[in-house]
């Protein structure tokens, strides 16, 4: 059984991709993750170094995780060095996640990370706890403008990560029209957590992002809707913890999936077993390739 997939020219040994914001920050971790995952997405990188929000930044829940990291990162100059080093030690595609506070920052950061060796660029247009970033995912014209400015500067595929907290289909179609090669759906959901003893929001930023199993049905809905309306590949993300979740996303229309919170909850090695279960499923159902199930839930 073949678990290989091709997503806008990226050849993956299996459909599992490390999601942005989880472990994608060092060469040592890239090397370890590459033994399991088909591709790796970096933490979101900006033009300049950023400290992020003050603690607390993570709150675990029974049904997921809340976070308000605030996009901490070393900046594009330093992280370019990390990508160059990682490219010499891993044999899977590295997708560089990029954010910016202006279109110029998106363009310049994306170009520099491609120059450093990134195999694809993922535009973060939807961070729920940094308002300037979230606005792009809520405005089809602005999202399309960013894509149309970044795309000409790149030779590698351009992915766009969107939020469910808007008409995601309208934004995705505008991104496709502007040159995006794939859509990543969805980012964490905007949330608020209040401490009943201090009677104040837990996070200094007030708003945070909800990830984990609680958001999976929303993410499935978005992938299902997008598959009906766009012709470019979709990468599903949101609440994946098992091989059954991976299958469900692909039946809804995802060509591959990104996994984030579950790595913290279950560990990297646990996904070796999930990958084995994918092969068993294909055999039991009589499929020759996992690509055969993409969008199958839409077949009448």
Protein backbone atom coordinates (compact mmCIF):
# COMPACT_ATOMS: atom_id res chain seq x y z
CA UNK A 1 0.00 0.00 0.00
CA UNK A 2 1.31 3.44 -0.87
CA UNK A 3 1.05 6.21 1.70
CA UNK A 4 2.85 8.68 -0.56
CA UNK A 5 1.08 11.89 -1.53
CA UNK A 6 1.96 14.80 -3.79
CA UNK A 7 0.76 18.19 -2.62
CA UNK A 8 1.35 20.96 -5.17
CA UNK A 9 4.68 19.42 -6.14
CA UNK A 10 5.79 18.46 -2.63
CA UNK A 11 6.43 14.72 -2.50
CA UNK A 12 5.61 13.29 0.92
CA UNK A 13 6.35 9.75 2.08
CA UNK A 14 3.11 9.87 4.07
CA UNK A 15 0.35 12.49 4.48
CA UNK A 16 1.41 13.61 7.97
CA UNK A 17 2.92 17.10 8.28
CA UNK A 18 4.16 18.76 11.45
CA UNK A 19 1.94 21.79 12.09
CA UNK A 20 3.41 25.23 12.60
CA UNK A 21 4.02 26.26 16.18
CA UNK A 22 4.84 22.79 17.48
CA UNK A 23 8.51 21.86 17.83
CA UNK A 24 9.52 23.34 14.46
CA UNK A 25 12.32 25.50 15.78
CA UNK A 26 15.60 23.52 15.87
CA UNK A 27 17.68 21.30 13.62
CA UNK A 28 17.81 18.52 16.23
CA UNK A 29 14.02 18.40 16.44
CA UNK A 30 13.64 18.53 12.65
CA UNK A 31 15.92 15.51 12.37
CA UNK A 32 13.93 13.52 14.92
CA UNK A 33 10.56 14.46 13.43
CA UNK A 34 11.65 13.61 9.88
CA UNK A 35 11.80 9.92 10.81
CA UNK A 36 8.01 9.94 11.25
CA UNK A 37 6.45 12.83 9.34
CA UNK A 38 6.17 13.35 5.59
CA UNK A 39 6.97 17.07 5.87
CA UNK A 40 7.76 19.62 8.58
CA UNK A 41 6.37 23.11 9.07
CA UNK A 42 8.45 25.59 11.02
CA UNK A 43 7.25 27.88 13.75
CA UNK A 44 5.88 31.11 12.28
CA UNK A 45 8.81 33.39 11.49
CA UNK A 46 8.75 37.16 11.10
CA UNK A 47 11.14 39.68 9.67
CA UNK A 48 12.48 40.64 13.11
CA UNK A 49 12.93 38.73 16.39
CA UNK A 50 9.87 38.73 18.65
CA UNK A 51 9.60 37.77 22.32
CA UNK A 52 5.89 36.96 22.24
CA UNK A 53 3.44 37.35 25.11
CA UNK A 54 4.23 37.19 28.80
CA UNK A 55 3.39 34.03 30.72
CA UNK A 56 1.08 32.25 31.11
CA UNK A 57 0.96 31.29 27.44
CA UNK A 58 -0.50 27.75 27.56
CA UNK A 59 -3.48 26.28 29.44
CA UNK A 60 -4.29 22.56 29.01
CA UNK A 61 -7.94 21.50 28.86
CA UNK A 62 -9.72 18.16 28.92
CA UNK A 63 -10.65 18.63 25.26
CA UNK A 64 -7.63 20.51 23.90
CA UNK A 65 -5.21 23.31 24.64
CA UNK A 66 -5.44 27.09 24.89
CA UNK A 67 -2.40 29.12 23.89
CA UNK A 68 -1.43 32.73 23.52
CA UNK A 69 2.22 32.52 22.54
CA UNK A 70 2.27 35.81 20.63
CA UNK A 71 4.43 34.49 17.76
CA UNK A 72 7.81 34.32 19.58
CA UNK A 73 10.62 33.64 17.11
CA UNK A 74 14.28 34.49 16.45
CA UNK A 75 13.62 36.48 13.27
CA UNK A 76 14.30 35.61 9.65
CA UNK A 77 18.06 36.18 9.65
CA UNK A 78 18.74 33.75 12.49
CA UNK A 79 16.16 31.22 11.36
CA UNK A 80 17.57 31.16 7.84
CA UNK A 81 20.67 29.64 9.39
CA UNK A 82 18.52 26.97 11.09
CA UNK A 83 16.86 26.03 7.80
CA UNK A 84 20.19 25.78 5.97
CA UNK A 85 21.53 23.47 8.65
CA UNK A 86 18.33 21.40 8.79
CA UNK A 87 18.25 20.92 5.01
CA UNK A 88 21.57 19.09 5.19
CA UNK A 89 20.24 16.67 7.81
CA UNK A 90 16.65 15.81 6.88
CA UNK A 91 15.21 14.21 3.76
CA UNK A 92 11.62 15.50 3.95
CA UNK A 93 10.24 18.84 2.71
CA UNK A 94 10.54 21.80 5.08
CA UNK A 95 7.65 24.26 4.92
CA UNK A 96 8.48 27.69 6.33
CA UNK A 97 5.61 29.44 8.12
CA UNK A 98 5.68 33.21 7.64
CA UNK A 99 3.86 36.09 9.28
CA UNK A 100 4.10 39.84 8.77
CA UNK A 101 2.59 43.07 10.04
CA UNK A 102 2.78 44.58 6.57
CA UNK A 103 2.67 43.10 3.07
CA UNK A 104 6.31 44.09 2.62
CA UNK A 105 7.25 42.02 5.69
CA UNK A 106 5.43 38.97 4.30
CA UNK A 107 7.21 39.34 0.96
CA UNK A 108 10.68 39.87 2.37
CA UNK A 109 10.46 37.12 4.99
CA UNK A 110 9.09 34.57 2.54
CA UNK A 111 11.81 35.36 0.01
CA UNK A 112 14.60 35.04 2.58
CA UNK A 113 13.33 31.70 3.90
CA UNK A 114 13.01 30.29 0.39
CA UNK A 115 16.53 31.52 -0.28
CA UNK A 116 17.67 29.63 2.83
CA UNK A 117 16.27 26.39 1.40
CA UNK A 118 12.60 26.13 2.41
CA UNK A 119 10.72 23.77 0.08
CA UNK A 120 7.47 25.73 0.45
CA UNK A 121 6.11 28.80 2.21
CA UNK A 122 3.02 28.78 4.42
CA UNK A 123 1.50 32.23 4.97
CA UNK A 124 0.05 32.58 8.47
CA UNK A 125 -2.90 34.89 7.84
CA UNK A 126 -4.93 33.83 10.85
CA UNK A 127 -3.20 33.95 14.25
CA UNK A 128 -6.19 34.36 16.61
CA UNK A 129 -4.37 36.24 19.40
CA UNK A 130 -2.46 38.76 17.26
CA UNK A 131 -5.09 41.04 15.77
CA UNK A 132 -3.00 42.45 12.93
CA UNK A 133 -2.46 38.94 11.57
CA UNK A 134 -6.03 37.72 12.12
CA UNK A 135 -7.42 40.61 10.08
CA UNK A 136 -5.92 39.24 6.86
CA UNK A 137 -7.84 35.97 7.11
CA UNK A 138 -11.11 37.86 7.64
CA UNK A 139 -10.78 40.03 4.54
CA UNK A 140 -10.76 38.25 1.16
CA UNK A 141 -9.36 41.29 -0.66
CA UNK A 142 -6.51 41.76 1.82
CA UNK A 143 -5.68 38.04 1.83
CA UNK A 144 -5.63 38.03 -1.96
CA UNK A 145 -3.44 41.13 -2.01
CA UNK A 146 -0.86 39.51 0.27
CA UNK A 147 -0.82 36.35 -1.83
CA UNK A 148 -0.51 38.29 -5.10
CA UNK A 149 2.46 40.25 -3.72
CA UNK A 150 4.29 37.25 -2.21
CA UNK A 151 3.75 34.73 -5.02
CA UNK A 152 5.86 36.43 -7.76
CA UNK A 153 8.92 36.46 -5.49
CA UNK A 154 8.86 32.68 -4.99
CA UNK A 155 9.79 29.61 -6.99
CA UNK A 156 8.48 27.17 -4.38
CA UNK A 157 4.80 26.39 -3.64
CA UNK A 158 2.82 28.95 -1.62
CA UNK A 159 0.40 27.64 1.02
CA UNK A 160 -2.07 29.86 2.86
CA UNK A 161 -3.31 29.05 6.38
CA UNK A 162 -6.82 30.33 7.06
CA UNK A 163 -9.25 30.72 9.92
CA UNK A 164 -12.71 29.21 10.33
CA UNK A 165 -13.95 32.46 11.89
CA UNK A 166 -14.93 34.04 8.62
CA UNK A 167 -16.33 32.87 5.31
CA UNK A 168 -13.35 30.65 4.69
CA UNK A 169 -14.53 29.66 1.21
CA UNK A 170 -14.60 33.29 0.02
CA UNK A 171 -11.12 33.96 1.40
CA UNK A 172 -9.75 30.72 -0.05
CA UNK A 173 -11.17 31.40 -3.50
CA UNK A 174 -9.60 34.86 -3.50
CA UNK A 175 -6.25 33.34 -2.45
CA UNK A 176 -6.52 30.73 -5.22
CA UNK A 177 -7.29 33.42 -7.77
CA UNK A 178 -4.27 35.41 -6.54
CA UNK A 179 -1.86 32.49 -7.01
CA UNK A 180 -1.94 30.31 -3.87
CA UNK A 181 -0.93 26.70 -4.52
CA UNK A 182 -2.74 25.16 -1.53
CA UNK A 183 -4.98 26.05 1.40
CA UNK A 184 -4.26 25.00 4.99
CA UNK A 185 -7.42 24.79 7.11
CA UNK A 186 -7.82 25.61 9.92
CA UNK A 187 -5.87 27.68 12.42
CA UNK A 188 -6.77 27.64 16.12
CA UNK A 189 -10.11 29.18 17.10
CA UNK A 190 -10.21 32.51 18.91
CA UNK A 191 -11.11 31.97 22.57
CA UNK A 192 -11.10 33.56 26.03
CA UNK A 193 -10.27 31.93 29.36
CA UNK A 194 -11.19 33.63 32.67
CA UNK A 195 -9.76 32.85 36.12
CA UNK A 196 -12.71 32.72 38.52
CA UNK A 197 -10.52 33.62 41.53
CA UNK A 198 -8.83 36.72 40.16
CA UNK A 199 -11.95 37.47 38.08
CA UNK A 200 -9.71 38.39 35.15
CA UNK A 201 -8.73 36.80 31.82
CA UNK A 202 -5.95 34.24 32.28
CA UNK A 203 -3.93 35.49 29.32
CA UNK A 204 -2.37 38.95 29.27
CA UNK A 205 -3.48 39.25 25.64
CA UNK A 206 -7.06 38.38 26.74
CA UNK A 207 -7.62 36.35 23.57
CA UNK A 208 -6.07 32.96 22.93
CA UNK A 209 -6.26 30.11 20.43
CA UNK A 210 -8.13 26.86 21.05
CA UNK A 211 -6.61 23.75 19.48
CA UNK A 212 -7.06 20.02 19.94
CA UNK A 213 -9.98 17.58 19.60
CA UNK A 214 -12.63 20.22 20.36
CA UNK A 215 -12.09 21.96 17.02
CA UNK A 216 -11.95 18.88 14.79
CA UNK A 217 -15.59 18.90 13.61
CA UNK A 218 -15.21 22.58 12.64
CA UNK A 219 -12.03 21.82 10.73
CA UNK A 220 -13.69 18.87 8.95
CA UNK A 221 -16.57 21.14 7.92
CA UNK A 222 -14.16 23.71 6.50
CA UNK A 223 -12.19 21.12 4.54
CA UNK A 224 -15.43 19.61 3.21
CA UNK A 225 -16.71 23.02 2.07
CA UNK A 226 -13.38 24.03 0.54
CA UNK A 227 -13.12 20.81 -1.47
CA UNK A 228 -16.39 21.72 -3.17
CA UNK A 229 -15.28 25.25 -4.07
CA UNK A 230 -11.53 25.38 -4.78
CA UNK A 231 -9.41 23.40 -7.22
CA UNK A 232 -6.09 23.64 -5.38
CA UNK A 233 -5.06 21.07 -2.73
CA UNK A 234 -6.25 21.40 0.86
CA UNK A 235 -4.18 20.49 3.90
CA UNK A 236 -6.41 19.71 6.87
CA UNK A 237 -5.45 20.61 10.42
CA UNK A 238 -7.29 20.77 13.72
CA UNK A 239 -7.73 18.19 16.45
CA UNK A 240 -6.11 15.18 14.80
CA UNK A 241 -5.10 12.57 17.38
CA UNK A 242 -5.55 9.23 15.60
CA UNK A 243 -5.41 7.44 12.26
CA UNK A 244 -9.21 7.59 12.12
CA UNK A 245 -9.01 11.39 12.27
CA UNK A 246 -6.50 11.42 9.41
CA UNK A 247 -8.79 9.27 7.28
CA UNK A 248 -11.79 11.48 8.07
CA UNK A 249 -9.94 14.62 6.96
CA UNK A 250 -8.85 12.98 3.72
CA UNK A 251 -12.35 11.67 2.97
CA UNK A 252 -13.55 15.25 3.45
CA UNK A 253 -11.07 16.42 0.82
CA UNK A 254 -7.66 16.95 2.42
CA UNK A 255 -4.64 15.85 0.38
CA UNK A 256 -2.54 15.80 3.57
CA UNK A 257 -2.92 16.76 7.23
CA UNK A 258 -0.99 18.79 9.77
CA UNK A 259 -0.66 17.57 13.34
CA UNK A 260 0.10 19.83 16.29
CA UNK A 261 -1.47 19.51 19.73
CA UNK A 262 -1.51 15.69 19.62
CA UNK A 263 2.28 15.61 19.46
CA UNK A 264 2.43 17.33 22.85
CA UNK A 265 -0.29 15.06 24.23
CA UNK A 266 0.85 11.71 22.80
CA UNK A 267 4.49 12.16 21.77
CA UNK A 268 6.17 11.84 18.38
CA UNK A 269 6.71 8.09 18.44
CA UNK A 270 3.01 7.33 18.86
CA UNK A 271 2.40 8.39 15.27
CA UNK A 272 4.48 5.51 13.94
CA UNK A 273 1.64 3.26 15.09
CA UNK A 274 -0.98 5.56 13.57
CA UNK A 275 0.85 5.33 10.23
CA UNK A 276 0.78 1.53 10.42
CA UNK A 277 -2.96 1.68 10.99
CA UNK A 278 -3.36 3.79 7.85
CA UNK A 279 -1.83 0.99 5.79
CA UNK A 280 -4.05 -1.61 7.45
CA UNK A 281 -7.12 0.50 6.67
CA UNK A 282 -6.19 0.74 2.99
CA UNK A 283 -5.71 -3.03 2.76
CA UNK A 284 -9.01 -3.73 4.49
CA UNK A 285 -10.88 -1.32 2.19
CA UNK A 286 -9.11 -2.51 -0.96
CA UNK A 287 -7.38 0.78 -1.85
CA UNK A 288 -3.95 0.75 -3.52
CA UNK A 289 -2.98 4.27 -2.44
CA UNK A 290 -4.05 6.67 0.27
CA UNK A 291 -4.56 9.24 -2.48
CA UNK A 292 -7.55 7.15 -3.61
CA UNK A 293 -9.58 8.27 -0.61
CA UNK A 294 -9.11 12.05 -1.03
CA UNK A 295 -12.58 13.60 -1.27
CA UNK A 296 -14.30 10.23 -1.36
CA UNK A 297 -17.03 11.46 0.99
CA UNK A 298 -18.20 13.75 -1.84
CA UNK A 299 -18.86 10.90 -4.25
CA UNK A 300 -22.57 10.37 -4.84
